[in-house]
N, C-alpha and C. Protein backbone atom coordinates (compact mmCIF):
# COMPACT_ATOMS: atom_id res chain seq x y z
N MET A 1 -41.25 15.43 55.97
CA MET A 1 -41.64 14.30 55.17
C MET A 1 -40.62 14.13 54.05
N GLN A 2 -40.12 12.93 53.92
CA GLN A 2 -39.12 12.63 52.90
C GLN A 2 -39.83 12.19 51.62
N VAL A 3 -39.42 12.74 50.48
CA VAL A 3 -40.00 12.38 49.19
C VAL A 3 -38.88 11.91 48.27
N GLN A 4 -39.05 10.72 47.70
CA GLN A 4 -38.08 10.19 46.75
C GLN A 4 -38.80 9.96 45.43
N VAL A 5 -38.19 10.44 44.34
CA VAL A 5 -38.79 10.32 43.01
C VAL A 5 -37.91 9.43 42.16
N HIS A 6 -38.54 8.42 41.56
CA HIS A 6 -37.86 7.49 40.66
C HIS A 6 -38.60 7.55 39.32
N ALA A 7 -37.85 7.77 38.23
CA ALA A 7 -38.48 7.83 36.91
C ALA A 7 -37.68 6.98 35.94
N ASP A 8 -38.39 6.32 35.01
CA ASP A 8 -37.66 5.53 34.01
C ASP A 8 -37.22 6.43 32.86
N ASP A 9 -36.57 5.85 31.87
CA ASP A 9 -35.99 6.63 30.77
C ASP A 9 -37.02 7.33 29.89
N SER A 10 -38.27 6.87 29.91
CA SER A 10 -39.29 7.49 29.06
C SER A 10 -39.88 8.76 29.68
N ILE A 11 -39.52 9.06 30.91
CA ILE A 11 -40.04 10.25 31.59
C ILE A 11 -38.98 11.35 31.55
N GLN A 12 -39.38 12.51 31.04
CA GLN A 12 -38.46 13.64 30.96
C GLN A 12 -38.73 14.60 32.11
N GLY A 13 -37.72 15.31 32.53
CA GLY A 13 -37.91 16.31 33.56
C GLY A 13 -36.79 16.36 34.57
N GLY A 14 -36.24 15.21 34.90
CA GLY A 14 -35.09 15.15 35.80
C GLY A 14 -35.32 15.82 37.14
N GLU A 15 -34.41 16.72 37.50
CA GLU A 15 -34.44 17.37 38.81
C GLU A 15 -35.65 18.30 38.97
N SER A 16 -36.05 18.97 37.90
CA SER A 16 -37.21 19.87 38.00
C SER A 16 -38.49 19.08 38.25
N LEU A 17 -38.60 17.90 37.66
CA LEU A 17 -39.75 17.03 37.89
C LEU A 17 -39.77 16.56 39.34
N ALA A 18 -38.61 16.18 39.87
CA ALA A 18 -38.52 15.74 41.25
C ALA A 18 -38.90 16.87 42.21
N GLN A 19 -38.45 18.08 41.94
CA GLN A 19 -38.78 19.24 42.77
C GLN A 19 -40.28 19.52 42.73
N TRP A 20 -40.86 19.47 41.53
CA TRP A 20 -42.30 19.71 41.38
C TRP A 20 -43.09 18.66 42.16
N ALA A 21 -42.71 17.38 42.03
CA ALA A 21 -43.41 16.31 42.72
C ALA A 21 -43.33 16.49 44.24
N GLN A 22 -42.18 16.88 44.72
CA GLN A 22 -42.00 17.09 46.16
C GLN A 22 -42.89 18.23 46.66
N GLU A 23 -42.95 19.32 45.91
CA GLU A 23 -43.79 20.46 46.31
C GLU A 23 -45.27 20.07 46.32
N GLU A 24 -45.70 19.32 45.30
CA GLU A 24 -47.10 18.90 45.22
C GLU A 24 -47.46 17.98 46.38
N ILE A 25 -46.59 17.02 46.68
CA ILE A 25 -46.87 16.09 47.78
C ILE A 25 -46.91 16.83 49.10
N ASN A 26 -45.98 17.73 49.34
CA ASN A 26 -45.97 18.51 50.58
C ASN A 26 -47.22 19.36 50.71
N ALA A 27 -47.71 19.91 49.60
CA ALA A 27 -48.92 20.73 49.63
C ALA A 27 -50.16 19.88 49.86
N LYS A 28 -50.29 18.79 49.13
CA LYS A 28 -51.50 17.95 49.22
C LYS A 28 -51.59 17.16 50.51
N LEU A 29 -50.44 16.75 51.05
CA LEU A 29 -50.44 15.94 52.26
C LEU A 29 -50.00 16.72 53.50
N ALA A 30 -50.08 18.04 53.44
CA ALA A 30 -49.62 18.89 54.55
C ALA A 30 -50.33 18.54 55.86
N ARG A 31 -51.61 18.25 55.78
CA ARG A 31 -52.39 17.93 56.97
C ARG A 31 -51.96 16.60 57.59
N LEU A 32 -51.34 15.74 56.79
CA LEU A 32 -50.96 14.40 57.25
C LEU A 32 -49.46 14.27 57.52
N LYS A 33 -48.74 15.40 57.55
CA LYS A 33 -47.28 15.34 57.64
C LYS A 33 -46.77 14.72 58.94
N GLU A 34 -47.54 14.77 60.02
CA GLU A 34 -47.12 14.15 61.27
C GLU A 34 -47.19 12.62 61.17
N TYR A 35 -48.06 12.14 60.32
CA TYR A 35 -48.31 10.71 60.18
C TYR A 35 -47.44 10.07 59.11
N VAL A 36 -47.28 10.74 57.98
CA VAL A 36 -46.52 10.21 56.84
C VAL A 36 -45.04 10.52 57.01
N VAL A 37 -44.22 9.48 56.98
CA VAL A 37 -42.78 9.64 57.14
C VAL A 37 -42.10 9.80 55.78
N ARG A 38 -42.49 8.96 54.82
CA ARG A 38 -41.82 8.98 53.51
C ARG A 38 -42.82 8.65 52.42
N VAL A 39 -42.64 9.30 51.27
CA VAL A 39 -43.43 9.00 50.08
C VAL A 39 -42.46 8.72 48.94
N GLU A 40 -42.65 7.59 48.28
CA GLU A 40 -41.84 7.26 47.11
C GLU A 40 -42.72 7.37 45.87
N VAL A 41 -42.19 8.03 44.85
CA VAL A 41 -42.91 8.25 43.60
C VAL A 41 -42.20 7.46 42.51
N PHE A 42 -42.95 6.63 41.80
CA PHE A 42 -42.41 5.85 40.69
C PHE A 42 -43.16 6.26 39.43
N LEU A 43 -42.47 6.88 38.49
CA LEU A 43 -43.07 7.33 37.23
C LEU A 43 -42.52 6.47 36.10
N THR A 44 -43.43 5.88 35.34
CA THR A 44 -43.02 5.02 34.22
C THR A 44 -43.92 5.27 33.02
N GLY A 45 -43.41 4.92 31.87
CA GLY A 45 -44.21 4.96 30.66
C GLY A 45 -44.87 3.60 30.46
N VAL A 46 -46.08 3.60 29.94
CA VAL A 46 -46.77 2.35 29.62
C VAL A 46 -47.01 2.31 28.12
N ASP A 47 -47.03 1.12 27.57
CA ASP A 47 -47.14 0.99 26.12
C ASP A 47 -48.44 1.53 25.56
N ALA A 48 -49.55 1.20 26.20
CA ALA A 48 -50.83 1.66 25.67
C ALA A 48 -51.84 1.77 26.79
N LEU A 49 -52.65 2.79 26.69
CA LEU A 49 -53.75 2.94 27.62
C LEU A 49 -54.96 2.21 27.05
N LYS A 50 -55.78 1.66 27.91
CA LYS A 50 -56.94 0.89 27.47
C LYS A 50 -57.95 1.76 26.72
N THR A 51 -58.13 3.00 27.16
CA THR A 51 -59.18 3.83 26.59
C THR A 51 -58.80 4.43 25.24
N THR A 52 -57.60 4.95 25.12
CA THR A 52 -57.22 5.64 23.89
C THR A 52 -56.32 4.81 22.99
N GLY A 53 -55.66 3.83 23.56
CA GLY A 53 -54.75 3.02 22.76
C GLY A 53 -53.40 3.68 22.54
N GLY A 54 -53.23 4.91 22.99
CA GLY A 54 -51.98 5.63 22.80
C GLY A 54 -51.03 5.40 23.94
N PRO A 55 -49.81 5.92 23.81
CA PRO A 55 -48.84 5.79 24.89
C PRO A 55 -49.29 6.58 26.11
N GLY A 56 -48.93 6.09 27.26
CA GLY A 56 -49.37 6.76 28.48
C GLY A 56 -48.30 6.73 29.55
N LYS A 57 -48.67 7.23 30.70
CA LYS A 57 -47.76 7.31 31.84
C LYS A 57 -48.44 6.68 33.05
N ARG A 58 -47.64 6.07 33.90
CA ARG A 58 -48.14 5.47 35.14
C ARG A 58 -47.39 6.10 36.31
N CYS A 59 -48.15 6.40 37.34
CA CYS A 59 -47.58 6.93 38.58
C CYS A 59 -47.98 6.00 39.72
N VAL A 60 -46.99 5.49 40.42
CA VAL A 60 -47.21 4.67 41.60
C VAL A 60 -46.67 5.44 42.79
N LEU A 61 -47.48 5.62 43.81
CA LEU A 61 -47.07 6.30 45.03
C LEU A 61 -47.13 5.30 46.18
N GLU A 62 -46.06 5.23 46.94
CA GLU A 62 -46.01 4.36 48.11
C GLU A 62 -45.63 5.22 49.30
N THR A 63 -46.38 5.08 50.37
CA THR A 63 -46.11 5.87 51.56
C THR A 63 -45.78 4.97 52.74
N ARG A 64 -44.90 5.46 53.57
CA ARG A 64 -44.56 4.79 54.82
C ARG A 64 -45.09 5.67 55.94
N ALA A 65 -45.93 5.09 56.77
CA ALA A 65 -46.53 5.83 57.86
C ALA A 65 -46.01 5.28 59.18
N THR A 66 -46.02 6.11 60.18
CA THR A 66 -45.52 5.75 61.50
C THR A 66 -46.31 4.57 62.06
N GLY A 67 -45.63 3.46 62.28
CA GLY A 67 -46.23 2.30 62.91
C GLY A 67 -47.30 1.58 62.10
N ARG A 68 -47.39 1.82 60.82
CA ARG A 68 -48.41 1.21 59.98
C ARG A 68 -47.75 0.56 58.77
N PRO A 69 -48.42 -0.40 58.16
CA PRO A 69 -47.86 -1.00 56.94
C PRO A 69 -47.87 0.01 55.79
N PRO A 70 -47.02 -0.18 54.79
CA PRO A 70 -46.98 0.76 53.67
C PRO A 70 -48.30 0.75 52.89
N ILE A 71 -48.59 1.88 52.28
CA ILE A 71 -49.78 2.03 51.44
C ILE A 71 -49.30 2.41 50.05
N ALA A 72 -49.79 1.72 49.03
CA ALA A 72 -49.41 2.03 47.65
C ALA A 72 -50.65 2.21 46.80
N VAL A 73 -50.59 3.19 45.91
CA VAL A 73 -51.67 3.44 44.95
C VAL A 73 -51.03 3.71 43.59
N ASN A 74 -51.82 3.56 42.53
CA ASN A 74 -51.30 3.90 41.20
C ASN A 74 -52.40 4.48 40.35
N ALA A 75 -51.97 5.19 39.30
CA ALA A 75 -52.90 5.79 38.35
C ALA A 75 -52.20 5.87 37.00
N GLU A 76 -52.99 5.76 35.93
CA GLU A 76 -52.48 5.89 34.57
C GLU A 76 -53.22 7.01 33.85
N ALA A 77 -52.49 7.72 33.01
CA ALA A 77 -53.07 8.79 32.22
C ALA A 77 -52.16 9.05 31.02
N GLU A 78 -52.59 9.95 30.14
CA GLU A 78 -51.78 10.26 28.97
C GLU A 78 -50.56 11.09 29.32
N LYS A 79 -50.67 11.91 30.35
CA LYS A 79 -49.56 12.79 30.73
C LYS A 79 -49.14 12.52 32.17
N VAL A 80 -47.89 12.82 32.48
CA VAL A 80 -47.34 12.60 33.81
C VAL A 80 -48.13 13.37 34.86
N LYS A 81 -48.44 14.62 34.58
CA LYS A 81 -49.14 15.46 35.55
C LYS A 81 -50.51 14.88 35.88
N GLU A 82 -51.23 14.39 34.89
CA GLU A 82 -52.56 13.81 35.12
C GLU A 82 -52.46 12.54 35.95
N ALA A 83 -51.50 11.68 35.62
CA ALA A 83 -51.32 10.43 36.37
C ALA A 83 -50.91 10.73 37.81
N PHE A 84 -50.01 11.68 37.99
CA PHE A 84 -49.55 12.06 39.32
C PHE A 84 -50.69 12.64 40.16
N SER A 85 -51.47 13.53 39.57
CA SER A 85 -52.58 14.16 40.30
C SER A 85 -53.61 13.14 40.74
N ALA A 86 -53.93 12.19 39.85
CA ALA A 86 -54.89 11.15 40.21
C ALA A 86 -54.34 10.26 41.31
N ALA A 87 -53.07 9.92 41.24
CA ALA A 87 -52.46 9.05 42.25
C ALA A 87 -52.38 9.74 43.60
N ILE A 88 -52.07 11.04 43.62
CA ILE A 88 -51.94 11.75 44.90
C ILE A 88 -53.31 11.85 45.59
N GLU A 89 -54.38 12.00 44.82
CA GLU A 89 -55.72 12.03 45.41
C GLU A 89 -56.08 10.67 45.99
N LYS A 90 -55.73 9.60 45.28
CA LYS A 90 -55.98 8.25 45.79
C LYS A 90 -55.19 8.01 47.07
N LEU A 91 -53.94 8.45 47.07
CA LEU A 91 -53.08 8.26 48.25
C LEU A 91 -53.64 9.02 49.45
N LYS A 92 -54.08 10.23 49.22
CA LYS A 92 -54.63 11.05 50.30
C LYS A 92 -55.84 10.35 50.93
N ARG A 93 -56.74 9.82 50.10
CA ARG A 93 -57.92 9.11 50.61
C ARG A 93 -57.51 7.84 51.35
N ALA A 94 -56.54 7.11 50.81
CA ALA A 94 -56.11 5.86 51.43
C ALA A 94 -55.47 6.11 52.79
N VAL A 95 -54.66 7.14 52.90
CA VAL A 95 -54.01 7.46 54.18
C VAL A 95 -55.06 7.92 55.19
N GLU A 96 -56.01 8.74 54.76
CA GLU A 96 -57.05 9.21 55.66
C GLU A 96 -57.91 8.04 56.14
N THR A 97 -58.18 7.08 55.27
CA THR A 97 -58.94 5.89 55.65
C THR A 97 -58.15 5.07 56.67
N ASP A 98 -56.86 4.92 56.43
CA ASP A 98 -56.01 4.17 57.36
C ASP A 98 -55.98 4.86 58.72
N LEU A 99 -55.89 6.17 58.72
CA LEU A 99 -55.92 6.92 59.98
C LEU A 99 -57.25 6.73 60.71
N GLY A 100 -58.33 6.69 59.94
CA GLY A 100 -59.65 6.50 60.53
C GLY A 100 -59.78 5.16 61.22
N LYS A 101 -59.05 4.15 60.76
CA LYS A 101 -59.10 2.84 61.40
C LYS A 101 -58.44 2.84 62.77
N LEU A 102 -57.60 3.83 63.03
CA LEU A 102 -56.93 3.91 64.33
C LEU A 102 -57.81 4.52 65.40
N LYS A 103 -58.90 5.12 65.00
CA LYS A 103 -59.80 5.77 65.95
C LYS A 103 -61.16 5.07 65.91
N ASP A 104 -61.83 4.99 67.06
CA ASP A 104 -63.17 4.45 67.06
C ASP A 104 -64.16 5.59 66.82
N LYS A 105 -65.45 5.30 66.89
CA LYS A 105 -66.45 6.32 66.56
C LYS A 105 -66.45 7.50 67.52
N ASN A 106 -65.90 7.34 68.72
CA ASN A 106 -65.84 8.43 69.68
C ASN A 106 -64.48 9.11 69.68
N LEU A 107 -63.69 8.89 68.63
CA LEU A 107 -62.37 9.48 68.43
C LEU A 107 -61.37 9.06 69.50
N ARG A 108 -61.56 7.88 70.07
CA ARG A 108 -60.60 7.32 71.01
C ARG A 108 -59.70 6.36 70.25
N GLU A 109 -58.54 6.06 70.82
CA GLU A 109 -57.65 5.11 70.19
C GLU A 109 -58.35 3.76 70.07
N SER A 110 -58.26 3.15 68.92
CA SER A 110 -58.86 1.86 68.68
C SER A 110 -57.89 0.75 69.08
N VAL A 111 -58.42 -0.43 69.34
CA VAL A 111 -57.56 -1.56 69.67
C VAL A 111 -56.73 -2.00 68.48
N ARG A 112 -57.10 -1.60 67.28
CA ARG A 112 -56.34 -1.97 66.08
C ARG A 112 -54.96 -1.33 66.05
N GLY A 113 -54.82 -0.17 66.66
CA GLY A 113 -53.55 0.52 66.60
C GLY A 113 -52.77 0.48 67.90
N VAL A 114 -53.27 -0.26 68.91
CA VAL A 114 -52.63 -0.29 70.22
C VAL A 114 -52.30 -1.74 70.57
N ASP A 115 -51.09 -1.96 71.07
CA ASP A 115 -50.70 -3.29 71.52
C ASP A 115 -51.46 -3.63 72.79
N ASP A 116 -51.72 -4.92 72.99
CA ASP A 116 -52.42 -5.39 74.18
C ASP A 116 -51.47 -5.33 75.37
N PRO A 117 -51.75 -4.50 76.40
CA PRO A 117 -50.84 -4.39 77.53
C PRO A 117 -50.73 -5.70 78.31
N SER A 118 -51.74 -6.56 78.26
CA SER A 118 -51.64 -7.82 78.99
C SER A 118 -50.58 -8.73 78.39
N ASP A 119 -50.29 -8.60 77.09
CA ASP A 119 -49.23 -9.36 76.45
C ASP A 119 -47.86 -8.94 76.98
N GLU A 120 -47.68 -7.67 77.25
CA GLU A 120 -46.40 -7.17 77.76
C GLU A 120 -46.15 -7.73 79.16
N ASN A 121 -47.20 -7.77 79.99
CA ASN A 121 -47.05 -8.30 81.34
C ASN A 121 -46.75 -9.79 81.32
N ALA A 122 -47.35 -10.51 80.37
CA ALA A 122 -47.11 -11.94 80.25
C ALA A 122 -45.67 -12.22 79.85
N ALA A 123 -45.11 -11.36 78.98
CA ALA A 123 -43.74 -11.54 78.53
C ALA A 123 -42.74 -11.28 79.64
N VAL A 124 -43.07 -10.35 80.57
CA VAL A 124 -42.17 -9.99 81.65
C VAL A 124 -42.17 -11.09 82.72
N ALA A 125 -43.34 -11.67 82.99
CA ALA A 125 -43.48 -12.67 84.06
C ALA A 125 -42.82 -13.98 83.77
């Protein structure tokens, strides 16, 4: 699984932050590693949080999954670690939900994730 970390000037940590984020994502999404191809992490500072009014951090996670549209989630908190942890939990739930849509109640492939074979025959004829 490829992990890319992007941080603005208000986020400190550099290479060690990128390494930490990569380790956390690999640990939290280990069960989904066959499905998730790439995760992009965007860390930014925000001017004020609604609850405390103080400066905060925002973490946006975007994932690219095999044969599926991208999934993006975000979270805000006072610290980078808190925002990242909240976002990774949201991402994990979102990816698991997306995977669930590919299977029907009997754990068979759903029509949502499979192309219609009759369309392929029509294109050939």
